[in-house]
Amino acid sequence: RESRIPDLSFIRAGRIPHDYDLSRPFPGAPDLAVEVVSPTESAEEVGGKVDDLLRFGSEQVSVVFPEQRALHQYFADGRYRTYRGSETIDTGDLFQGFTLRLSDLFVFPEPGA
């Protein structure tokens, strides 16, 4: 079985052992996992990653669809939400007080800037 390492992970500091080797993959599910969908990935592949991450302990899994400029957010308690445009992403208990508009994820610097 392949390992499920998300494109981006957040793990609360209290879950990381003090002697943990940061050059190795974390031995558990991250609190937050983010997957960025590539054009070659199938819905089945992405769905399998989301299911595995939630089953093994992630609180939230966000799936970013760059071509559609959308984010699908899955929660361990079964909730699901889709964000489009400039909607503000709800990070729940993971980042209280932090706000991020979805549209800000798709702002790229000018070449040479």
N, C-alpha and C. Protein backbone atom coordinates (compact mmCIF):
# COMPACT_ATOMS: atom_id res chain seq x y z
N ARG A 1 0.86 -1.19 0.00
CA ARG A 1 0.00 0.00 0.00
C ARG A 1 0.90 1.24 0.00
N GLU A 2 0.55 2.19 -0.82
CA GLU A 2 1.35 3.41 -0.90
C GLU A 2 1.12 4.31 0.31
N SER A 3 2.12 5.12 0.59
CA SER A 3 2.02 6.07 1.69
C SER A 3 1.21 7.28 1.23
N ARG A 4 0.46 7.86 2.15
CA ARG A 4 -0.35 9.03 1.84
C ARG A 4 0.32 10.26 2.44
N ILE A 5 1.18 10.90 1.68
CA ILE A 5 1.85 12.11 2.12
C ILE A 5 1.23 13.28 1.35
N PRO A 6 0.51 14.16 2.06
CA PRO A 6 -0.15 15.27 1.37
C PRO A 6 0.84 16.29 0.83
N ASP A 7 0.35 17.13 -0.08
CA ASP A 7 1.19 18.19 -0.65
C ASP A 7 1.61 19.20 0.42
N LEU A 8 0.73 19.45 1.38
CA LEU A 8 1.02 20.37 2.47
C LEU A 8 0.40 19.80 3.74
N SER A 9 1.13 19.89 4.85
CA SER A 9 0.63 19.38 6.13
C SER A 9 0.83 20.39 7.24
N PHE A 10 -0.08 20.34 8.20
CA PHE A 10 0.09 21.08 9.44
C PHE A 10 -0.09 20.09 10.57
N ILE A 11 0.88 20.06 11.48
CA ILE A 11 0.83 19.18 12.65
C ILE A 11 1.05 20.05 13.86
N ARG A 12 0.13 19.97 14.82
CA ARG A 12 0.29 20.76 16.04
C ARG A 12 1.61 20.39 16.72
N ALA A 13 2.30 21.41 17.24
CA ALA A 13 3.61 21.21 17.86
C ALA A 13 3.57 20.17 18.97
N GLY A 14 2.49 20.13 19.74
CA GLY A 14 2.38 19.19 20.84
C GLY A 14 2.33 17.73 20.42
N ARG A 15 2.10 17.47 19.14
CA ARG A 15 2.05 16.10 18.63
C ARG A 15 3.40 15.62 18.10
N ILE A 16 4.36 16.53 17.99
CA ILE A 16 5.66 16.16 17.42
C ILE A 16 6.61 15.82 18.56
N PRO A 17 7.12 14.57 18.60
CA PRO A 17 8.05 14.19 19.67
C PRO A 17 9.29 15.08 19.66
N HIS A 18 9.83 15.39 20.83
CA HIS A 18 10.97 16.31 20.92
C HIS A 18 12.20 15.77 20.18
N ASP A 19 12.32 14.46 20.03
CA ASP A 19 13.48 13.87 19.36
C ASP A 19 13.16 13.44 17.93
N TYR A 20 12.10 13.97 17.37
CA TYR A 20 11.66 13.57 16.04
C TYR A 20 12.65 14.02 14.98
N ASP A 21 12.96 13.14 14.03
CA ASP A 21 13.86 13.42 12.92
C ASP A 21 13.05 14.08 11.80
N LEU A 22 13.20 15.39 11.63
CA LEU A 22 12.41 16.14 10.66
C LEU A 22 12.70 15.76 9.21
N SER A 23 13.74 14.97 8.95
CA SER A 23 14.03 14.55 7.59
C SER A 23 13.19 13.32 7.20
N ARG A 24 12.43 12.78 8.13
CA ARG A 24 11.60 11.60 7.87
C ARG A 24 10.12 12.00 7.84
N PRO A 25 9.30 11.24 7.12
CA PRO A 25 7.86 11.53 7.13
C PRO A 25 7.29 11.38 8.54
N PHE A 26 6.31 12.19 8.86
CA PHE A 26 5.66 12.12 10.16
C PHE A 26 4.92 10.79 10.29
N PRO A 27 5.05 10.11 11.41
CA PRO A 27 4.45 8.78 11.56
C PRO A 27 2.98 8.81 11.98
N GLY A 28 2.19 9.57 11.29
CA GLY A 28 0.76 9.66 11.59
C GLY A 28 0.12 10.65 10.66
N ALA A 29 -1.16 10.83 10.83
CA ALA A 29 -1.89 11.77 9.98
C ALA A 29 -1.69 13.19 10.49
N PRO A 30 -1.53 14.16 9.58
CA PRO A 30 -1.44 15.55 10.02
C PRO A 30 -2.79 16.05 10.51
N ASP A 31 -2.79 17.10 11.31
CA ASP A 31 -4.04 17.72 11.74
C ASP A 31 -4.78 18.30 10.54
N LEU A 32 -4.03 18.95 9.67
CA LEU A 32 -4.57 19.50 8.42
C LEU A 32 -3.74 18.97 7.27
N ALA A 33 -4.40 18.45 6.26
CA ALA A 33 -3.73 18.01 5.04
C ALA A 33 -4.31 18.80 3.88
N VAL A 34 -3.43 19.22 2.96
CA VAL A 34 -3.87 19.94 1.77
C VAL A 34 -3.34 19.20 0.55
N GLU A 35 -4.23 18.91 -0.36
CA GLU A 35 -3.88 18.28 -1.63
C GLU A 35 -4.17 19.26 -2.75
N VAL A 36 -3.24 19.42 -3.66
CA VAL A 36 -3.43 20.24 -4.85
C VAL A 36 -3.59 19.27 -6.02
N VAL A 37 -4.75 19.30 -6.65
CA VAL A 37 -5.08 18.34 -7.69
C VAL A 37 -4.38 18.71 -9.00
N SER A 38 -3.69 17.73 -9.56
CA SER A 38 -3.04 17.94 -10.85
C SER A 38 -3.96 17.41 -11.95
N PRO A 39 -3.75 17.87 -13.18
CA PRO A 39 -4.62 17.42 -14.28
C PRO A 39 -4.58 15.91 -14.52
N THR A 40 -3.52 15.24 -14.07
CA THR A 40 -3.40 13.81 -14.32
C THR A 40 -4.03 12.95 -13.22
N GLU A 41 -4.49 13.56 -12.13
CA GLU A 41 -5.09 12.79 -11.04
C GLU A 41 -6.58 12.55 -11.30
N SER A 42 -7.01 11.35 -11.00
CA SER A 42 -8.43 11.02 -11.16
C SER A 42 -9.19 11.35 -9.88
N ALA A 43 -10.50 11.48 -10.02
CA ALA A 43 -11.36 11.72 -8.86
C ALA A 43 -11.22 10.57 -7.86
N GLU A 44 -11.05 9.36 -8.36
CA GLU A 44 -10.88 8.19 -7.49
C GLU A 44 -9.60 8.29 -6.66
N GLU A 45 -8.51 8.73 -7.28
CA GLU A 45 -7.24 8.89 -6.55
C GLU A 45 -7.38 9.94 -5.45
N VAL A 46 -7.94 11.08 -5.80
CA VAL A 46 -8.08 12.17 -4.83
C VAL A 46 -9.02 11.75 -3.71
N GLY A 47 -10.14 11.14 -4.05
CA GLY A 47 -11.08 10.67 -3.04
C GLY A 47 -10.47 9.65 -2.11
N GLY A 48 -9.62 8.77 -2.64
CA GLY A 48 -8.93 7.79 -1.81
C GLY A 48 -7.99 8.44 -0.82
N LYS A 49 -7.28 9.47 -1.26
CA LYS A 49 -6.38 10.20 -0.35
C LYS A 49 -7.17 10.86 0.77
N VAL A 50 -8.26 11.53 0.40
CA VAL A 50 -9.09 12.21 1.41
C VAL A 50 -9.61 11.19 2.42
N ASP A 51 -10.18 10.10 1.94
CA ASP A 51 -10.72 9.07 2.82
C ASP A 51 -9.66 8.53 3.77
N ASP A 52 -8.48 8.22 3.23
CA ASP A 52 -7.40 7.68 4.07
C ASP A 52 -6.95 8.68 5.13
N LEU A 53 -6.74 9.92 4.73
CA LEU A 53 -6.27 10.93 5.68
C LEU A 53 -7.26 11.13 6.82
N LEU A 54 -8.54 11.19 6.50
CA LEU A 54 -9.56 11.35 7.55
C LEU A 54 -9.65 10.10 8.42
N ARG A 55 -9.61 8.93 7.80
CA ARG A 55 -9.69 7.68 8.56
C ARG A 55 -8.51 7.52 9.53
N PHE A 56 -7.35 8.00 9.14
CA PHE A 56 -6.16 7.83 9.98
C PHE A 56 -5.92 8.98 10.93
N GLY A 57 -6.85 9.97 11.00
CA GLY A 57 -6.77 10.95 12.06
C GLY A 57 -6.67 12.41 11.70
N SER A 58 -6.65 12.78 10.43
CA SER A 58 -6.63 14.21 10.09
C SER A 58 -7.96 14.83 10.50
N GLU A 59 -7.88 16.06 11.04
CA GLU A 59 -9.10 16.80 11.40
C GLU A 59 -9.75 17.43 10.18
N GLN A 60 -8.91 17.90 9.28
CA GLN A 60 -9.40 18.55 8.07
C GLN A 60 -8.53 18.13 6.89
N VAL A 61 -9.17 17.99 5.74
CA VAL A 61 -8.45 17.78 4.49
C VAL A 61 -9.02 18.77 3.49
N SER A 62 -8.15 19.58 2.91
CA SER A 62 -8.56 20.53 1.88
C SER A 62 -8.00 20.07 0.55
N VAL A 63 -8.84 20.11 -0.47
CA VAL A 63 -8.42 19.74 -1.82
C VAL A 63 -8.58 20.97 -2.70
N VAL A 64 -7.46 21.40 -3.27
CA VAL A 64 -7.43 22.60 -4.10
C VAL A 64 -7.47 22.18 -5.57
N PHE A 65 -8.40 22.78 -6.30
CA PHE A 65 -8.53 22.55 -7.74
C PHE A 65 -8.10 23.83 -8.45
N PRO A 66 -6.82 23.92 -8.83
CA PRO A 66 -6.30 25.17 -9.42
C PRO A 66 -7.04 25.61 -10.69
N GLU A 67 -7.38 24.68 -11.57
CA GLU A 67 -8.02 25.07 -12.83
C GLU A 67 -9.41 25.67 -12.59
N GLN A 68 -10.12 25.16 -11.60
CA GLN A 68 -11.46 25.68 -11.28
C GLN A 68 -11.40 26.79 -10.24
N ARG A 69 -10.21 26.98 -9.66
CA ARG A 69 -10.04 27.95 -8.58
C ARG A 69 -11.08 27.71 -7.48
N ALA A 70 -11.07 26.47 -7.02
CA ALA A 70 -12.00 26.03 -5.99
C ALA A 70 -11.25 25.23 -4.93
N LEU A 71 -11.84 25.19 -3.74
CA LEU A 71 -11.29 24.40 -2.64
C LEU A 71 -12.44 23.61 -2.02
N HIS A 72 -12.21 22.32 -1.88
CA HIS A 72 -13.18 21.44 -1.22
C HIS A 72 -12.58 21.07 0.13
N GLN A 73 -13.34 21.27 1.18
CA GLN A 73 -12.85 21.08 2.54
C GLN A 73 -13.67 19.96 3.21
N TYR A 74 -12.96 18.98 3.75
CA TYR A 74 -13.58 17.83 4.40
C TYR A 74 -13.17 17.82 5.86
N PHE A 75 -14.11 17.51 6.74
CA PHE A 75 -13.85 17.49 8.18
C PHE A 75 -14.03 16.07 8.71
N ALA A 76 -13.32 15.75 9.78
CA ALA A 76 -13.39 14.43 10.39
C ALA A 76 -14.79 14.08 10.86
N ASP A 77 -15.59 15.10 11.22
CA ASP A 77 -16.94 14.84 11.71
C ASP A 77 -17.96 14.66 10.58
N GLY A 78 -17.49 14.62 9.34
CA GLY A 78 -18.36 14.37 8.20
C GLY A 78 -18.83 15.61 7.46
N ARG A 79 -18.55 16.79 8.01
CA ARG A 79 -18.94 18.02 7.30
C ARG A 79 -18.10 18.18 6.04
N TYR A 80 -18.66 18.93 5.10
CA TYR A 80 -18.01 19.17 3.82
C TYR A 80 -18.40 20.56 3.34
N ARG A 81 -17.46 21.26 2.72
CA ARG A 81 -17.77 22.61 2.22
C ARG A 81 -16.94 22.86 0.97
N THR A 82 -17.53 23.60 0.04
CA THR A 82 -16.83 24.02 -1.18
C THR A 82 -16.72 25.54 -1.16
N TYR A 83 -15.54 26.04 -1.52
CA TYR A 83 -15.29 27.48 -1.59
C TYR A 83 -14.97 27.86 -3.02
N ARG A 84 -15.49 29.01 -3.43
CA ARG A 84 -15.21 29.56 -4.76
C ARG A 84 -15.07 31.08 -4.64
N GLY A 85 -14.46 31.67 -5.65
CA GLY A 85 -14.36 33.13 -5.70
C GLY A 85 -13.54 33.68 -4.55
N SER A 86 -14.08 34.68 -3.87
CA SER A 86 -13.33 35.32 -2.77
C SER A 86 -13.92 34.95 -1.41
N GLU A 87 -14.58 33.78 -1.33
CA GLU A 87 -15.11 33.34 -0.04
C GLU A 87 -13.97 33.15 0.96
N THR A 88 -14.27 33.39 2.23
CA THR A 88 -13.28 33.22 3.30
C THR A 88 -13.31 31.78 3.79
N ILE A 89 -12.14 31.16 3.82
CA ILE A 89 -12.01 29.77 4.23
C ILE A 89 -12.11 29.69 5.75
N ASP A 90 -12.97 28.81 6.23
CA ASP A 90 -13.14 28.57 7.66
C ASP A 90 -12.12 27.53 8.10
N THR A 91 -11.17 27.93 8.93
CA THR A 91 -10.14 27.00 9.40
C THR A 91 -10.53 26.33 10.72
N GLY A 92 -11.68 26.69 11.24
CA GLY A 92 -12.16 26.05 12.46
C GLY A 92 -11.23 26.23 13.63
N ASP A 93 -11.07 25.18 14.41
CA ASP A 93 -10.24 25.23 15.61
C ASP A 93 -8.75 25.20 15.32
N LEU A 94 -8.35 24.86 14.11
CA LEU A 94 -6.93 24.74 13.82
C LEU A 94 -6.20 26.08 13.88
N PHE A 95 -6.81 27.12 13.34
CA PHE A 95 -6.18 28.44 13.27
C PHE A 95 -7.19 29.51 13.67
N GLN A 96 -7.59 29.52 14.91
CA GLN A 96 -8.59 30.46 15.37
C GLN A 96 -8.15 31.90 15.12
N GLY A 97 -9.04 32.67 14.52
CA GLY A 97 -8.76 34.07 14.25
C GLY A 97 -8.05 34.31 12.93
N PHE A 98 -7.57 33.26 12.27
CA PHE A 98 -6.89 33.39 10.99
C PHE A 98 -7.92 33.40 9.87
N THR A 99 -7.79 34.32 8.95
CA THR A 99 -8.69 34.35 7.80
C THR A 99 -7.88 34.32 6.51
N LEU A 100 -8.46 33.66 5.52
CA LEU A 100 -7.82 33.55 4.21
C LEU A 100 -8.93 33.48 3.17
N ARG A 101 -8.86 34.40 2.22
CA ARG A 101 -9.81 34.36 1.11
C ARG A 101 -9.28 33.37 0.08
N LEU A 102 -10.16 32.57 -0.46
CA LEU A 102 -9.75 31.59 -1.47
C LEU A 102 -9.03 32.27 -2.62
N SER A 103 -9.52 33.39 -3.07
CA SER A 103 -8.92 34.08 -4.22
C SER A 103 -7.46 34.44 -3.97
N ASP A 104 -7.07 34.62 -2.69
CA ASP A 104 -5.67 34.95 -2.37
C ASP A 104 -4.72 33.79 -2.67
N LEU A 105 -5.25 32.58 -2.74
CA LEU A 105 -4.40 31.43 -3.06
C LEU A 105 -3.95 31.45 -4.52
N PHE A 106 -4.64 32.19 -5.34
CA PHE A 106 -4.37 32.18 -6.77
C PHE A 106 -3.77 33.48 -7.27
N VAL A 107 -3.18 34.26 -6.38
CA VAL A 107 -2.50 35.49 -6.75
C VAL A 107 -1.02 35.17 -6.89
N PHE A 108 -0.49 35.42 -8.06
CA PHE A 108 0.91 35.12 -8.32
C PHE A 108 1.69 36.40 -8.54
N PRO A 109 2.95 36.44 -8.11
CA PRO A 109 3.74 37.65 -8.32
C PRO A 109 4.02 37.89 -9.80
N GLU A 110 4.20 39.13 -10.14
CA GLU A 110 4.55 39.47 -11.51
C GLU A 110 5.95 38.93 -11.80
N PRO A 111 6.20 38.45 -13.01
CA PRO A 111 7.55 37.98 -13.36
C PRO A 111 8.59 39.06 -13.11
N GLY A 112 9.67 38.69 -12.49
CA GLY A 112 10.75 39.62 -12.21
C GLY A 112 10.54 40.44 -10.97
N ALA A 113 9.42 40.27 -10.27
CA ALA A 113 9.15 41.06 -9.07
C ALA A 113 9.85 40.48 -7.87
